[in-house]
PDB file of N, CA and C in Angstrom:
ATOM      1  N   MET A   1       0.828  -1.177   0.000  1.00  0.00           N
ATOM      2  CA  MET A   1       0.000   0.000   0.000  1.00  0.00           C
ATOM      3  C   MET A   1       0.880   1.251   0.000  1.00  0.00           C
ATOM      4  N   ASN A   2       0.376   2.279  -0.635  1.00  0.00           N
ATOM      5  CA  ASN A   2       1.082   3.550  -0.719  1.00  0.00           C
ATOM      6  C   ASN A   2       0.322   4.624   0.047  1.00  0.00           C
ATOM      7  N   HIS A   3       1.003   5.738   0.292  1.00  0.00           N
ATOM      8  CA  HIS A   3       0.367   6.827   1.041  1.00  0.00           C
ATOM      9  C   HIS A   3      -0.935   7.286   0.401  1.00  0.00           C
ATOM     10  N   TYR A   4      -0.995   7.348  -0.930  1.00  0.00           N
ATOM     11  CA  TYR A   4      -2.202   7.872  -1.585  1.00  0.00           C
ATOM     12  C   TYR A   4      -3.418   6.971  -1.398  1.00  0.00           C
ATOM     13  N   ASP A   5      -3.248   5.770  -0.869  1.00  0.00           N
ATOM     14  CA  ASP A   5      -4.371   4.880  -0.576  1.00  0.00           C
ATOM     15  C   ASP A   5      -4.841   4.989   0.877  1.00  0.00           C
ATOM     16  N   CYS A   6      -4.248   5.891   1.629  1.00  0.00           N
ATOM     17  CA  CYS A   6      -4.560   6.024   3.055  1.00  0.00           C
ATOM     18  C   CYS A   6      -5.572   7.136   3.289  1.00  0.00           C
ATOM     19  N   LYS A   7      -6.435   6.945   4.248  1.00  0.00           N
ATOM     20  CA  LYS A   7      -7.444   7.957   4.566  1.00  0.00           C
ATOM     21  C   LYS A   7      -6.819   9.204   5.188  1.00  0.00           C
ATOM     22  N   TYR A   8      -5.603   9.108   5.697  1.00  0.00           N
ATOM     23  CA  TYR A   8      -4.919  10.249   6.304  1.00  0.00           C
ATOM     24  C   TYR A   8      -4.080  11.042   5.306  1.00  0.00           C
ATOM     25  N   TYR A   9      -4.082  10.640   4.032  1.00  0.00           N
ATOM     26  CA  TYR A   9      -3.296  11.335   3.017  1.00  0.00           C
ATOM     27  C   TYR A   9      -4.095  12.489   2.418  1.00  0.00           C
ATOM     28  N   LEU A  10      -3.493  13.654   2.383  1.00  0.00           N
ATOM     29  CA  LEU A  10      -4.097  14.837   1.769  1.00  0.00           C
ATOM     30  C   LEU A  10      -3.156  15.298   0.668  1.00  0.00           C
ATOM     31  N   ASN A  11      -3.588  15.169  -0.590  1.00  0.00           N
ATOM     32  CA  ASN A  11      -2.691  15.550  -1.677  1.00  0.00           C
ATOM     33  C   ASN A  11      -2.584  17.067  -1.788  1.00  0.00           C
ATOM     34  N   THR A  12      -1.362  17.516  -2.072  1.00  0.00           N
ATOM     35  CA  THR A  12      -1.119  18.942  -2.293  1.00  0.00           C
ATOM     36  C   THR A  12      -0.736  19.197  -3.741  1.00  0.00           C
ATOM     37  N   ASP A  13      -0.256  18.189  -4.426  1.00  0.00           N
ATOM     38  CA  ASP A  13      -0.036  18.225  -5.869  1.00  0.00           C
ATOM     39  C   ASP A  13       0.009  16.782  -6.366  1.00  0.00           C
ATOM     40  N   VAL A  14       0.443  16.573  -7.581  1.00  0.00           N
ATOM     41  CA  VAL A  14       0.416  15.239  -8.184  1.00  0.00           C
ATOM     42  C   VAL A  14       1.374  14.265  -7.496  1.00  0.00           C
ATOM     43  N   PHE A  15       2.480  14.763  -6.976  1.00  0.00           N
ATOM     44  CA  PHE A  15       3.535  13.900  -6.457  1.00  0.00           C
ATOM     45  C   PHE A  15       3.627  13.821  -4.942  1.00  0.00           C
ATOM     46  N   LYS A  16       3.109  14.777  -4.233  1.00  0.00           N
ATOM     47  CA  LYS A  16       3.275  14.784  -2.775  1.00  0.00           C
ATOM     48  C   LYS A  16       2.022  15.265  -2.071  1.00  0.00           C
ATOM     49  N   GLY A  17       2.068  15.103  -0.759  1.00  0.00           N
ATOM     50  CA  GLY A  17       0.942  15.528   0.051  1.00  0.00           C
ATOM     51  C   GLY A  17       1.333  15.651   1.501  1.00  0.00           C
ATOM     52  N   LEU A  18       0.324  15.729   2.364  1.00  0.00           N
ATOM     53  CA  LEU A  18       0.528  15.851   3.800  1.00  0.00           C
ATOM     54  C   LEU A  18      -0.158  14.707   4.522  1.00  0.00           C
ATOM     55  N   CYS A  19       0.442  14.282   5.609  1.00  0.00           N
ATOM     56  CA  CYS A  19      -0.203  13.299   6.487  1.00  0.00           C
ATOM     57  C   CYS A  19      -1.111  14.083   7.426  1.00  0.00           C
ATOM     58  N   LYS A  20      -2.393  13.748   7.451  1.00  0.00           N
ATOM     59  CA  LYS A  20      -3.349  14.452   8.305  1.00  0.00           C
ATOM     60  C   LYS A  20      -3.107  14.179   9.792  1.00  0.00           C
ATOM     61  N   ARG A  21      -2.388  13.090  10.088  1.00  0.00           N
ATOM     62  CA  ARG A  21      -2.136  12.752  11.488  1.00  0.00           C
ATOM     63  C   ARG A  21      -1.062  13.637  12.113  1.00  0.00           C
ATOM     64  N   ASP A  22       0.069  13.787  11.421  1.00  0.00           N
ATOM     65  CA  ASP A  22       1.180  14.536  12.014  1.00  0.00           C
ATOM     66  C   ASP A  22       1.636  15.737  11.189  1.00  0.00           C
ATOM     67  N   LYS A  23       0.905  16.045  10.104  1.00  0.00           N
ATOM     68  CA  LYS A  23       1.175  17.207   9.243  1.00  0.00           C
ATOM     69  C   LYS A  23       2.534  17.144   8.543  1.00  0.00           C
ATOM     70  N   SER A  24       3.124  15.966   8.420  1.00  0.00           N
ATOM     71  CA  SER A  24       4.408  15.833   7.736  1.00  0.00           C
ATOM     72  C   SER A  24       4.195  15.766   6.226  1.00  0.00           C
ATOM     73  N   SER A  25       5.200  16.196   5.485  1.00  0.00           N
ATOM     74  CA  SER A  25       5.165  16.136   4.030  1.00  0.00           C
ATOM     75  C   SER A  25       5.571  14.732   3.590  1.00  0.00           C
ATOM     76  N   ILE A  26       4.791  14.118   2.681  1.00  0.00           N
ATOM     77  CA  ILE A  26       5.058  12.761   2.232  1.00  0.00           C
ATOM     78  C   ILE A  26       4.870  12.659   0.723  1.00  0.00           C
ATOM     79  N   ASN A  27       5.571  11.722   0.121  1.00  0.00           N
ATOM     80  CA  ASN A  27       5.416  11.447  -1.301  1.00  0.00           C
ATOM     81  C   ASN A  27       4.260  10.483  -1.501  1.00  0.00           C
ATOM     82  N   ALA A  28       3.428  10.734  -2.484  1.00  0.00           N
ATOM     83  CA  ALA A  28       2.227   9.931  -2.721  1.00  0.00           C
ATOM     84  C   ALA A  28       2.544   8.464  -2.974  1.00  0.00           C
ATOM     85  N   ASP A  29       3.620   8.178  -3.698  1.00  0.00           N
ATOM     86  CA  ASP A  29       3.942   6.802  -4.087  1.00  0.00           C
ATOM     87  C   ASP A  29       4.803   6.045  -3.086  1.00  0.00           C
ATOM     88  N   ASP A  30       5.214   6.677  -2.003  1.00  0.00           N
ATOM     89  CA  ASP A  30       6.029   5.979  -1.003  1.00  0.00           C
ATOM     90  C   ASP A  30       5.207   4.934  -0.262  1.00  0.00           C
ATOM     91  N   GLN A  31       5.902   3.958   0.280  1.00  0.00           N
ATOM     92  CA  GLN A  31       5.276   2.889   1.056  1.00  0.00           C
ATOM     93  C   GLN A  31       4.544   3.476   2.258  1.00  0.00           C
ATOM     94  N   ALA A  32       3.346   2.999   2.531  1.00  0.00           N
ATOM     95  CA  ALA A  32       2.538   3.500   3.645  1.00  0.00           C
ATOM     96  C   ALA A  32       3.179   3.146   4.990  1.00  0.00           C
ATOM     97  N   CYS A  33       2.875   3.934   5.986  1.00  0.00           N
ATOM     98  CA  CYS A  33       3.422   3.712   7.331  1.00  0.00           C
ATOM     99  C   CYS A  33       2.527   2.753   8.129  1.00  0.00           C
ATOM    100  N   GLU A  34       2.880   2.539   9.376  1.00  0.00           N
ATOM    101  CA  GLU A  34       2.143   1.606  10.235  1.00  0.00           C
ATOM    102  C   GLU A  34       0.771   2.137  10.642  1.00  0.00           C
ATOM    103  N   ASN A  35       0.500   3.415  10.421  1.00  0.00           N
ATOM    104  CA  ASN A  35      -0.804   4.012  10.744  1.00  0.00           C
ATOM    105  C   ASN A  35      -1.779   3.966   9.579  1.00  0.00           C
ATOM    106  N   PHE A  36      -1.458   3.218   8.535  1.00  0.00           N
ATOM    107  CA  PHE A  36      -2.268   3.148   7.328  1.00  0.00           C
ATOM    108  C   PHE A  36      -3.683   2.652   7.609  1.00  0.00           C
ATOM    109  N   VAL A  37      -4.664   3.378   7.047  1.00  0.00           N
ATOM    110  CA  VAL A  37      -6.076   2.988   7.074  1.00  0.00           C
ATOM    111  C   VAL A  37      -6.607   3.206   5.660  1.00  0.00           C
ATOM    112  N   ASN A  38      -7.276   2.196   5.103  1.00  0.00           N
ATOM    113  CA  ASN A  38      -7.798   2.329   3.742  1.00  0.00           C
ATOM    114  C   ASN A  38      -8.685   3.553   3.596  1.00  0.00           C
ATOM    115  N   ALA A  39      -8.409   4.328   2.547  1.00  0.00           N
ATOM    116  CA  ALA A  39      -9.273   5.456   2.204  1.00  0.00           C
ATOM    117  C   ALA A  39     -10.555   4.906   1.590  1.00  0.00           C
ATOM    118  N   ARG A  40     -11.607   5.694   1.607  1.00  0.00           N
ATOM    119  CA  ARG A  40     -12.865   5.277   0.984  1.00  0.00           C
ATOM    120  C   ARG A  40     -12.743   5.489  -0.521  1.00  0.00           C
ATOM    121  N   LYS A  41     -12.275   4.450  -1.196  1.00  0.00           N
ATOM    122  CA  LYS A  41     -12.153   4.467  -2.651  1.00  0.00           C
ATOM    123  C   LYS A  41     -12.976   3.313  -3.198  1.00  0.00           C
ATOM    124  N   CYS A  42     -13.452   3.475  -4.400  1.00  0.00           N
ATOM    125  CA  CYS A  42     -14.294   2.448  -5.014  1.00  0.00           C
ATOM    126  C   CYS A  42     -13.632   1.074  -5.003  1.00  0.00           C
ATOM    127  N   LYS A  43     -12.325   1.019  -5.214  1.00  0.00           N
ATOM    128  CA  LYS A  43     -11.637  -0.274  -5.282  1.00  0.00           C
ATOM    129  C   LYS A  43     -11.719  -1.063  -3.975  1.00  0.00           C
ATOM    130  N   TYR A  44     -12.033  -0.425  -2.864  1.00  0.00           N
ATOM    131  CA  TYR A  44     -12.166  -1.113  -1.580  1.00  0.00           C
ATOM    132  C   TYR A  44     -13.616  -1.431  -1.223  1.00  0.00           C
ATOM    133  N   CYS A  45     -14.555  -1.089  -2.083  1.00  0.00           N
ATOM    134  CA  CYS A  45     -15.973  -1.291  -1.804  1.00  0.00           C
ATOM    135  C   CYS A  45     -16.431  -2.663  -2.298  1.00  0.00           C
ATOM    136  N   SER A  46     -17.310  -3.299  -1.558  1.00  0.00           N
ATOM    137  CA  SER A  46     -17.835  -4.616  -1.963  1.00  0.00           C
ATOM    138  C   SER A  46     -18.777  -4.516  -3.156  1.00  0.00           C
ATOM    139  N   ASN A  47     -19.281  -3.320  -3.457  1.00  0.00           N
ATOM    140  CA  ASN A  47     -20.172  -3.125  -4.606  1.00  0.00           C
ATOM    141  C   ASN A  47     -19.418  -2.894  -5.909  1.00  0.00           C
ATOM    142  N   PHE A  48     -18.087  -2.782  -5.840  1.00  0.00           N
ATOM    143  CA  PHE A  48     -17.265  -2.493  -7.010  1.00  0.00           C
ATOM    144  C   PHE A  48     -16.774  -3.777  -7.656  1.00  0.00           C
ATOM    145  N   THR A  49     -16.880  -3.848  -8.987  1.00  0.00           N
ATOM    146  CA  THR A  49     -16.373  -4.974  -9.758  1.00  0.00           C
ATOM    147  C   THR A  49     -15.440  -4.433 -10.833  1.00  0.00           C
ATOM    148  N   LEU A  50     -14.193  -4.882 -10.840  1.00  0.00           N
ATOM    149  CA  LEU A  50     -13.219  -4.449 -11.827  1.00  0.00           C
ATOM    150  C   LEU A  50     -13.472  -5.181 -13.136  1.00  0.00           C
ATOM    151  N   ILE A  51     -13.592  -4.434 -14.250  1.00  0.00           N
ATOM    152  CA  ILE A  51     -13.840  -5.075 -15.550  1.00  0.00           C
ATOM    153  C   ILE A  51     -12.658  -4.920 -16.498  1.00  0.00           C
ATOM    154  N   SER A  52     -11.768  -3.979 -16.237  1.00  0.00           N
ATOM    155  CA  SER A  52     -10.515  -3.845 -16.978  1.00  0.00           C
ATOM    156  C   SER A  52      -9.509  -3.185 -16.038  1.00  0.00           C
ATOM    157  N   THR A  53      -8.333  -2.872 -16.545  1.00  0.00           N
ATOM    158  CA  THR A  53      -7.275  -2.339 -15.687  1.00  0.00           C
ATOM    159  C   THR A  53      -7.687  -1.086 -14.923  1.00  0.00           C
ATOM    160  N   ASP A  54      -8.334  -0.156 -15.593  1.00  0.00           N
ATOM    161  CA  ASP A  54      -8.666   1.121 -14.963  1.00  0.00           C
ATOM    162  C   ASP A  54     -10.148   1.448 -14.967  1.00  0.00           C
ATOM    163  N   LEU A  55     -11.009   0.449 -15.090  1.00  0.00           N
ATOM    164  CA  LEU A  55     -12.447   0.704 -15.132  1.00  0.00           C
ATOM    165  C   LEU A  55     -13.197  -0.444 -14.475  1.00  0.00           C
ATOM    166  N   GLY A  56     -14.284  -0.102 -13.823  1.00  0.00           N
ATOM    167  CA  GLY A  56     -15.128  -1.106 -13.194  1.00  0.00           C
ATOM    168  C   GLY A  56     -16.565  -0.640 -13.171  1.00  0.00           C
ATOM    169  N   THR A  57     -17.385  -1.383 -12.452  1.00  0.00           N
ATOM    170  CA  THR A  57     -18.773  -0.999 -12.295  1.00  0.00           C
ATOM    171  C   THR A  57     -19.140  -0.959 -10.819  1.00  0.00           C
ATOM    172  N   CYS A  58     -20.098  -0.115 -10.508  1.00  0.00           N
ATOM    173  CA  CYS A  58     -20.643  -0.020  -9.161  1.00  0.00           C
ATOM    174  C   CYS A  58     -22.025  -0.654  -9.192  1.00  0.00           C
ATOM    175  N   MET A  59     -22.218  -1.666  -8.376  1.00  0.00           N
ATOM    176  CA  MET A  59     -23.485  -2.392  -8.277  1.00  0.00           C
ATOM    177  C   MET A  59     -23.946  -2.903  -9.648  1.00  0.00           C
ATOM    178  N   ASN A  60     -22.995  -3.150 -10.544  1.00  0.00           N
ATOM    179  CA  ASN A  60     -23.256  -3.620 -11.911  1.00  0.00           C
ATOM    180  C   ASN A  60     -24.185  -2.687 -12.688  1.00  0.00           C
ATOM    181  N   LYS A  61     -24.236  -1.401 -12.300  1.00  0.00           N
ATOM    182  CA  LYS A  61     -25.096  -0.424 -12.962  1.00  0.00           C
ATOM    183  C   LYS A  61     -24.316   0.758 -13.526  1.00  0.00           C
ATOM    184  N   TYR A  62     -23.346   1.244 -12.775  1.00  0.00           N
ATOM    185  CA  TYR A  62     -22.682   2.497 -13.102  1.00  0.00           C
ATOM    186  C   TYR A  62     -21.195   2.269 -13.356  1.00  0.00           C
ATOM    187  N   ASP A  63     -20.633   3.022 -14.297  1.00  0.00           N
ATOM    188  CA  ASP A  63     -19.198   2.987 -14.489  1.00  0.00           C
ATOM    189  C   ASP A  63     -18.522   3.642 -13.288  1.00  0.00           C
ATOM    190  N   ALA A  64     -17.397   3.065 -12.883  1.00  0.00           N
ATOM    191  CA  ALA A  64     -16.646   3.611 -11.754  1.00  0.00           C
ATOM    192  C   ALA A  64     -15.172   3.320 -11.953  1.00  0.00           C
ATOM    193  N   TYR A  65     -14.340   4.207 -11.454  1.00  0.00           N
ATOM    194  CA  TYR A  65     -12.898   4.025 -11.519  1.00  0.00           C
ATOM    195  C   TYR A  65     -12.399   3.515 -10.170  1.00  0.00           C
ATOM    196  N   PRO A  66     -11.441   2.615 -10.165  1.00  0.00           N
ATOM    197  CA  PRO A  66     -10.938   2.072  -8.898  1.00  0.00           C
ATOM    198  C   PRO A  66     -10.440   3.151  -7.939  1.00  0.00           C
ATOM    199  N   GLU A  67      -9.797   4.185  -8.457  1.00  0.00           N
ATOM    200  CA  GLU A  67      -9.226   5.238  -7.618  1.00  0.00           C
ATOM    201  C   GLU A  67     -10.230   6.324  -7.241  1.00  0.00           C
ATOM    202  N   MET A  68     -11.477   6.201  -7.681  1.00  0.00           N
ATOM    203  CA  MET A  68     -12.487   7.221  -7.398  1.00  0.00           C
ATOM    204  C   MET A  68     -12.786   7.280  -5.899  1.00  0.00           C
ATOM    205  N   SER A  69     -12.854   8.493  -5.373  1.00  0.00           N
ATOM    206  CA  SER A  69     -13.170   8.689  -3.971  1.00  0.00           C
ATOM    207  C   SER A  69     -14.646   8.377  -3.724  1.00  0.00           C
ATOM    208  N   ALA A  70     -14.917   7.652  -2.654  1.00  0.00           N
ATOM    209  CA  ALA A  70     -16.291   7.280  -2.322  1.00  0.00           C
ATOM    210  C   ALA A  70     -16.719   7.923  -0.997  1.00  0.00           C
ATOM    211  N   VAL A  71     -16.166   9.075  -0.701  1.00  0.00           N
ATOM    212  CA  VAL A  71     -16.433   9.746   0.580  1.00  0.00           C
ATOM    213  C   VAL A  71     -17.913  10.068   0.761  1.00  0.00           C
ATOM    214  N   THR A  72     -18.598  10.454  -0.320  1.00  0.00           N
ATOM    215  CA  THR A  72     -20.008  10.832  -0.210  1.00  0.00           C
ATOM    216  C   THR A  72     -20.965   9.727  -0.626  1.00  0.00           C
ATOM    217  N   CYS A  73     -20.455   8.549  -0.920  1.00  0.00           N
ATOM    218  CA  CYS A  73     -21.292   7.441  -1.398  1.00  0.00           C
ATOM    219  C   CYS A  73     -22.044   6.793  -0.223  1.00  0.00           C
ATOM    220  N   ASN A  74     -23.352   6.698  -0.349  1.00  0.00           N
ATOM    221  CA  ASN A  74     -24.174   6.077   0.706  1.00  0.00           C
ATOM    222  C   ASN A  74     -24.158   4.557   0.633  1.00  0.00           C
ATOM    223  N   GLU A  75     -23.715   3.995  -0.484  1.00  0.00           N
ATOM    224  CA  GLU A  75     -23.710   2.550  -0.674  1.00  0.00           C
ATOM    225  C   GLU A  75     -22.351   1.904  -0.392  1.00  0.00           C
ATOM    226  N   PHE A  76     -21.369   2.683   0.026  1.00  0.00           N
ATOM    227  CA  PHE A  76     -20.025   2.151   0.264  1.00  0.00           C
ATOM    228  C   PHE A  76     -20.054   1.138   1.414  1.00  0.00           C
ATOM    229  N   SER A  77     -19.483  -0.020   1.142  1.00  0.00           N
ATOM    230  CA  SER A  77     -19.389  -1.033   2.201  1.00  0.00           C
ATOM    231  C   SER A  77     -18.133  -1.859   2.032  1.00  0.00           C
TER     232      SER A  77
END
């Protein structure tokens, strides 16, 4: 897992961001630390089905991207 997959990661640009826990500057692609918690992304949802490398479906109805944020999704599980 990488920092950009963590719920505590806040991106500031394409390559780096901040850790919401300790406000340190981190690179998005670096290995996640021991405080890693999965962010709410479609790829972690039980309703998501991957159909190709970068595309999937949500509940077999809607197109969805694995990296799409699901923060406001009521069906995330």
